[in-house]
Amino acid sequence: MPGTIVHASKKESEELFNSVLDEKLQPIKDSLDAIKKMLDDLTNQDLAPKTPPKEADIRPQD
């Protein structure tokens, strides 16, 4: 089966790899950004506090 040989420097190979990887990961990054925005909006509305109230913290206080 014939193949394709690409001659590239290490830097060019890394740039190509990173650009392809960034392109593939972009939908995941977008989803995470949307989730973060929703959580921030809830926190800003006092619906989801970032830290639990002190009285709700049942861990031992050593």
PDB file of N, CA and C in Angstrom:
ATOM      1  N   MET A   1       0.852  -1.163   0.000  1.00  0.00           N
ATOM      2  CA  MET A   1       0.000   0.000   0.000  1.00  0.00           C
ATOM      3  C   MET A   1       0.903   1.232   0.000  1.00  0.00           C
ATOM      4  N   PRO A   2       0.730   2.108  -0.957  1.00  0.00           N
ATOM      5  CA  PRO A   2       1.593   3.291  -1.033  1.00  0.00           C
ATOM      6  C   PRO A   2       1.299   4.256   0.115  1.00  0.00           C
ATOM      7  N   GLY A   3       2.339   4.929   0.552  1.00  0.00           N
ATOM      8  CA  GLY A   3       2.191   5.893   1.630  1.00  0.00           C
ATOM      9  C   GLY A   3       2.710   7.243   1.195  1.00  0.00           C
ATOM     10  N   THR A   4       2.549   8.202   2.040  1.00  0.00           N
ATOM     11  CA  THR A   4       3.024   9.550   1.773  1.00  0.00           C
ATOM     12  C   THR A   4       4.122   9.865   2.771  1.00  0.00           C
ATOM     13  N   ILE A   5       5.221  10.351   2.280  1.00  0.00           N
ATOM     14  CA  ILE A   5       6.331  10.741   3.133  1.00  0.00           C
ATOM     15  C   ILE A   5       6.377  12.259   3.174  1.00  0.00           C
ATOM     16  N   VAL A   6       6.379  12.795   4.378  1.00  0.00           N
ATOM     17  CA  VAL A   6       6.436  14.239   4.558  1.00  0.00           C
ATOM     18  C   VAL A   6       7.749  14.570   5.248  1.00  0.00           C
ATOM     19  N   HIS A   7       8.497  15.449   4.635  1.00  0.00           N
ATOM     20  CA  HIS A   7       9.748  15.901   5.234  1.00  0.00           C
ATOM     21  C   HIS A   7       9.480  17.246   5.898  1.00  0.00           C
ATOM     22  N   ALA A   8       9.682  17.284   7.210  1.00  0.00           N
ATOM     23  CA  ALA A   8       9.439  18.517   7.957  1.00  0.00           C
ATOM     24  C   ALA A   8      10.403  18.572   9.134  1.00  0.00           C
ATOM     25  N   SER A   9      10.692  19.768   9.548  1.00  0.00           N
ATOM     26  CA  SER A   9      11.551  19.932  10.718  1.00  0.00           C
ATOM     27  C   SER A   9      10.757  19.574  11.974  1.00  0.00           C
ATOM     28  N   LYS A  10      11.463  19.419  13.074  1.00  0.00           N
ATOM     29  CA  LYS A  10      10.799  19.115  14.343  1.00  0.00           C
ATOM     30  C   LYS A  10       9.817  20.227  14.698  1.00  0.00           C
ATOM     31  N   LYS A  11      10.231  21.469  14.497  1.00  0.00           N
ATOM     32  CA  LYS A  11       9.370  22.609  14.818  1.00  0.00           C
ATOM     33  C   LYS A  11       8.104  22.589  13.956  1.00  0.00           C
ATOM     34  N   GLU A  12       8.269  22.334  12.657  1.00  0.00           N
ATOM     35  CA  GLU A  12       7.110  22.279  11.757  1.00  0.00           C
ATOM     36  C   GLU A  12       6.171  21.137  12.146  1.00  0.00           C
ATOM     37  N   SER A  13       6.749  19.992  12.512  1.00  0.00           N
ATOM     38  CA  SER A  13       5.935  18.845  12.926  1.00  0.00           C
ATOM     39  C   SER A  13       5.142  19.171  14.184  1.00  0.00           C
ATOM     40  N   GLU A  14       5.803  19.817  15.164  1.00  0.00           N
ATOM     41  CA  GLU A  14       5.119  20.186  16.400  1.00  0.00           C
ATOM     42  C   GLU A  14       4.003  21.193  16.138  1.00  0.00           C
ATOM     43  N   GLU A  15       4.257  22.165  15.274  1.00  0.00           N
ATOM     44  CA  GLU A  15       3.234  23.163  14.953  1.00  0.00           C
ATOM     45  C   GLU A  15       2.028  22.513  14.284  1.00  0.00           C
ATOM     46  N   LEU A  16       2.286  21.586  13.361  1.00  0.00           N
ATOM     47  CA  LEU A  16       1.199  20.875  12.687  1.00  0.00           C
ATOM     48  C   LEU A  16       0.405  20.041  13.690  1.00  0.00           C
ATOM     49  N   PHE A  17       1.111  19.302  14.534  1.00  0.00           N
ATOM     50  CA  PHE A  17       0.458  18.469  15.542  1.00  0.00           C
ATOM     51  C   PHE A  17      -0.390  19.324  16.475  1.00  0.00           C
ATOM     52  N   ASN A  18       0.175  20.432  16.964  1.00  0.00           N
ATOM     53  CA  ASN A  18      -0.554  21.300  17.892  1.00  0.00           C
ATOM     54  C   ASN A  18      -1.771  21.933  17.237  1.00  0.00           C
ATOM     55  N   SER A  19      -1.662  22.318  15.963  1.00  0.00           N
ATOM     56  CA  SER A  19      -2.811  22.937  15.299  1.00  0.00           C
ATOM     57  C   SER A  19      -3.935  21.920  15.098  1.00  0.00           C
ATOM     58  N   VAL A  20      -3.582  20.683  14.743  1.00  0.00           N
ATOM     59  CA  VAL A  20      -4.595  19.637  14.572  1.00  0.00           C
ATOM     60  C   VAL A  20      -5.217  19.302  15.924  1.00  0.00           C
ATOM     61  N   LEU A  21      -4.378  19.203  16.954  1.00  0.00           N
ATOM     62  CA  LEU A  21      -4.880  18.901  18.288  1.00  0.00           C
ATOM     63  C   LEU A  21      -5.800  20.008  18.787  1.00  0.00           C
ATOM     64  N   ASP A  22      -5.398  21.259  18.602  1.00  0.00           N
ATOM     65  CA  ASP A  22      -6.239  22.386  19.016  1.00  0.00           C
ATOM     66  C   ASP A  22      -7.582  22.360  18.303  1.00  0.00           C
ATOM     67  N   GLU A  23      -7.553  22.029  17.018  1.00  0.00           N
ATOM     68  CA  GLU A  23      -8.795  21.976  16.235  1.00  0.00           C
ATOM     69  C   GLU A  23      -9.721  20.886  16.766  1.00  0.00           C
ATOM     70  N   LYS A  24      -9.156  19.737  17.109  1.00  0.00           N
ATOM     71  CA  LYS A  24      -9.966  18.620  17.611  1.00  0.00           C
ATOM     72  C   LYS A  24     -10.495  18.889  19.013  1.00  0.00           C
ATOM     73  N   LEU A  25      -9.713  19.610  19.830  1.00  0.00           N
ATOM     74  CA  LEU A  25     -10.114  19.871  21.208  1.00  0.00           C
ATOM     75  C   LEU A  25     -11.014  21.090  21.363  1.00  0.00           C
ATOM     76  N   GLN A  26     -11.143  21.900  20.338  1.00  0.00           N
ATOM     77  CA  GLN A  26     -11.915  23.139  20.446  1.00  0.00           C
ATOM     78  C   GLN A  26     -13.361  22.917  20.892  1.00  0.00           C
ATOM     79  N   PRO A  27     -14.086  21.910  20.360  1.00  0.00           N
ATOM     80  CA  PRO A  27     -15.467  21.701  20.840  1.00  0.00           C
ATOM     81  C   PRO A  27     -15.524  21.393  22.339  1.00  0.00           C
ATOM     82  N   ILE A  28     -14.536  20.660  22.838  1.00  0.00           N
ATOM     83  CA  ILE A  28     -14.492  20.345  24.268  1.00  0.00           C
ATOM     84  C   ILE A  28     -14.229  21.614  25.064  1.00  0.00           C
ATOM     85  N   LYS A  29     -13.295  22.435  24.597  1.00  0.00           N
ATOM     86  CA  LYS A  29     -12.995  23.701  25.276  1.00  0.00           C
ATOM     87  C   LYS A  29     -14.224  24.605  25.290  1.00  0.00           C
ATOM     88  N   ASP A  30     -14.950  24.643  24.179  1.00  0.00           N
ATOM     89  CA  ASP A  30     -16.165  25.462  24.109  1.00  0.00           C
ATOM     90  C   ASP A  30     -17.216  24.980  25.111  1.00  0.00           C
ATOM     91  N   SER A  31     -17.377  23.657  25.214  1.00  0.00           N
ATOM     92  CA  SER A  31     -18.343  23.101  26.167  1.00  0.00           C
ATOM     93  C   SER A  31     -17.950  23.431  27.600  1.00  0.00           C
ATOM     94  N   LEU A  32     -16.668  23.298  27.909  1.00  0.00           N
ATOM     95  CA  LEU A  32     -16.201  23.620  29.256  1.00  0.00           C
ATOM     96  C   LEU A  32     -16.394  25.098  29.573  1.00  0.00           C
ATOM     97  N   ASP A  33     -16.147  25.957  28.601  1.00  0.00           N
ATOM     98  CA  ASP A  33     -16.365  27.392  28.803  1.00  0.00           C
ATOM     99  C   ASP A  33     -17.841  27.689  29.073  1.00  0.00           C
ATOM    100  N   ALA A  34     -18.733  27.007  28.342  1.00  0.00           N
ATOM    101  CA  ALA A  34     -20.173  27.212  28.540  1.00  0.00           C
ATOM    102  C   ALA A  34     -20.597  26.744  29.931  1.00  0.00           C
ATOM    103  N   ILE A  35     -20.069  25.608  30.372  1.00  0.00           N
ATOM    104  CA  ILE A  35     -20.389  25.100  31.707  1.00  0.00           C
ATOM    105  C   ILE A  35     -19.875  26.064  32.772  1.00  0.00           C
ATOM    106  N   LYS A  36     -18.655  26.544  32.600  1.00  0.00           N
ATOM    107  CA  LYS A  36     -18.079  27.497  33.559  1.00  0.00           C
ATOM    108  C   LYS A  36     -18.925  28.767  33.633  1.00  0.00           C
ATOM    109  N   LYS A  37     -19.388  29.242  32.489  1.00  0.00           N
ATOM    110  CA  LYS A  37     -20.226  30.448  32.470  1.00  0.00           C
ATOM    111  C   LYS A  37     -21.544  30.201  33.206  1.00  0.00           C
ATOM    112  N   MET A  38     -22.155  29.027  32.976  1.00  0.00           N
ATOM    113  CA  MET A  38     -23.407  28.714  33.670  1.00  0.00           C
ATOM    114  C   MET A  38     -23.192  28.659  35.178  1.00  0.00           C
ATOM    115  N   LEU A  39     -22.095  28.039  35.619  1.00  0.00           N
ATOM    116  CA  LEU A  39     -21.812  27.965  37.051  1.00  0.00           C
ATOM    117  C   LEU A  39     -21.545  29.346  37.635  1.00  0.00           C
ATOM    118  N   ASP A  40     -20.823  30.172  36.898  1.00  0.00           N
ATOM    119  CA  ASP A  40     -20.573  31.540  37.355  1.00  0.00           C
ATOM    120  C   ASP A  40     -21.882  32.323  37.469  1.00  0.00           C
ATOM    121  N   ASP A  41     -22.774  32.135  36.497  1.00  0.00           N
ATOM    122  CA  ASP A  41     -24.074  32.815  36.543  1.00  0.00           C
ATOM    123  C   ASP A  41     -24.881  32.376  37.765  1.00  0.00           C
ATOM    124  N   LEU A  42     -24.858  31.074  38.061  1.00  0.00           N
ATOM    125  CA  LEU A  42     -25.572  30.577  39.241  1.00  0.00           C
ATOM    126  C   LEU A  42     -24.972  31.149  40.518  1.00  0.00           C
ATOM    127  N   THR A  43     -23.647  31.214  40.562  1.00  0.00           N
ATOM    128  CA  THR A  43     -22.977  31.766  41.739  1.00  0.00           C
ATOM    129  C   THR A  43     -23.316  33.240  41.899  1.00  0.00           C
ATOM    130  N   ASN A  44     -23.354  33.964  40.801  1.00  0.00           N
ATOM    131  CA  ASN A  44     -23.684  35.389  40.857  1.00  0.00           C
ATOM    132  C   ASN A  44     -25.117  35.627  41.320  1.00  0.00           C
ATOM    133  N   GLN A  45     -25.990  34.648  41.106  1.00  0.00           N
ATOM    134  CA  GLN A  45     -27.386  34.765  41.541  1.00  0.00           C
ATOM    135  C   GLN A  45     -27.584  34.193  42.944  1.00  0.00           C
ATOM    136  N   ASP A  46     -26.497  33.817  43.603  1.00  0.00           N
ATOM    137  CA  ASP A  46     -26.528  33.210  44.942  1.00  0.00           C
ATOM    138  C   ASP A  46     -27.302  31.893  44.965  1.00  0.00           C
ATOM    139  N   LEU A  47     -27.366  31.203  43.848  1.00  0.00           N
ATOM    140  CA  LEU A  47     -28.046  29.910  43.809  1.00  0.00           C
ATOM    141  C   LEU A  47     -27.088  28.755  44.074  1.00  0.00           C
ATOM    142  N   ALA A  48     -25.823  28.986  43.851  1.00  0.00           N
ATOM    143  CA  ALA A  48     -24.829  27.939  44.057  1.00  0.00           C
ATOM    144  C   ALA A  48     -23.581  28.566  44.660  1.00  0.00           C
ATOM    145  N   PRO A  49     -23.501  28.620  45.986  1.00  0.00           N
ATOM    146  CA  PRO A  49     -22.326  29.242  46.595  1.00  0.00           C
ATOM    147  C   PRO A  49     -21.052  28.478  46.251  1.00  0.00           C
ATOM    148  N   LYS A  50     -19.968  29.198  46.115  1.00  0.00           N
ATOM    149  CA  LYS A  50     -18.701  28.567  45.755  1.00  0.00           C
ATOM    150  C   LYS A  50     -18.160  27.711  46.890  1.00  0.00           C
ATOM    151  N   THR A  51     -18.388  28.092  48.123  1.00  0.00           N
ATOM    152  CA  THR A  51     -17.960  27.296  49.271  1.00  0.00           C
ATOM    153  C   THR A  51     -19.175  27.042  50.148  1.00  0.00           C
ATOM    154  N   PRO A  52     -19.231  25.863  50.758  1.00  0.00           N
ATOM    155  CA  PRO A  52     -20.392  25.579  51.609  1.00  0.00           C
ATOM    156  C   PRO A  52     -20.360  26.454  52.856  1.00  0.00           C
ATOM    157  N   PRO A  53     -21.527  26.737  53.420  1.00  0.00           N
ATOM    158  CA  PRO A  53     -21.551  27.507  54.669  1.00  0.00           C
ATOM    159  C   PRO A  53     -20.795  26.748  55.757  1.00  0.00           C
ATOM    160  N   LYS A  54     -20.230  27.456  56.698  1.00  0.00           N
ATOM    161  CA  LYS A  54     -19.409  26.848  57.747  1.00  0.00           C
ATOM    162  C   LYS A  54     -20.187  25.784  58.517  1.00  0.00           C
ATOM    163  N   GLU A  55     -21.454  26.037  58.841  1.00  0.00           N
ATOM    164  CA  GLU A  55     -22.233  25.079  59.616  1.00  0.00           C
ATOM    165  C   GLU A  55     -22.531  23.794  58.836  1.00  0.00           C
ATOM    166  N   ALA A  56     -22.433  23.813  57.523  1.00  0.00           N
ATOM    167  CA  ALA A  56     -22.684  22.626  56.712  1.00  0.00           C
ATOM    168  C   ALA A  56     -21.420  21.794  56.525  1.00  0.00           C
ATOM    169  N   ASP A  57     -20.276  22.317  56.921  1.00  0.00           N
ATOM    170  CA  ASP A  57     -19.012  21.607  56.768  1.00  0.00           C
ATOM    171  C   ASP A  57     -18.875  20.612  57.916  1.00  0.00           C
ATOM    172  N   ILE A  58     -19.015  19.307  57.616  1.00  0.00           N
ATOM    173  CA  ILE A  58     -19.010  18.290  58.665  1.00  0.00           C
ATOM    174  C   ILE A  58     -17.650  17.621  58.830  1.00  0.00           C
ATOM    175  N   ARG A  59     -16.655  18.091  58.121  1.00  0.00           N
ATOM    176  CA  ARG A  59     -15.315  17.512  58.263  1.00  0.00           C
ATOM    177  C   ARG A  59     -14.734  17.891  59.624  1.00  0.00           C
ATOM    178  N   PRO A  60     -13.928  17.003  60.201  1.00  0.00           N
ATOM    179  CA  PRO A  60     -13.311  17.344  61.487  1.00  0.00           C
ATOM    180  C   PRO A  60     -12.397  18.557  61.349  1.00  0.00           C
ATOM    181  N   GLN A  61     -12.416  19.411  62.330  1.00  0.00           N
ATOM    182  CA  GLN A  61     -11.605  20.628  62.319  1.00  0.00           C
ATOM    183  C   GLN A  61     -10.358  20.410  63.172  1.00  0.00           C
ATOM    184  N   ASP A  62      -9.385  19.668  62.653  1.00  0.00           N
ATOM    185  CA  ASP A  62      -8.143  19.400  63.401  1.00  0.00           C
ATOM    186  C   ASP A  62      -7.167  20.514  63.243  1.00  0.00           C
TER     187      ASP A  62
END
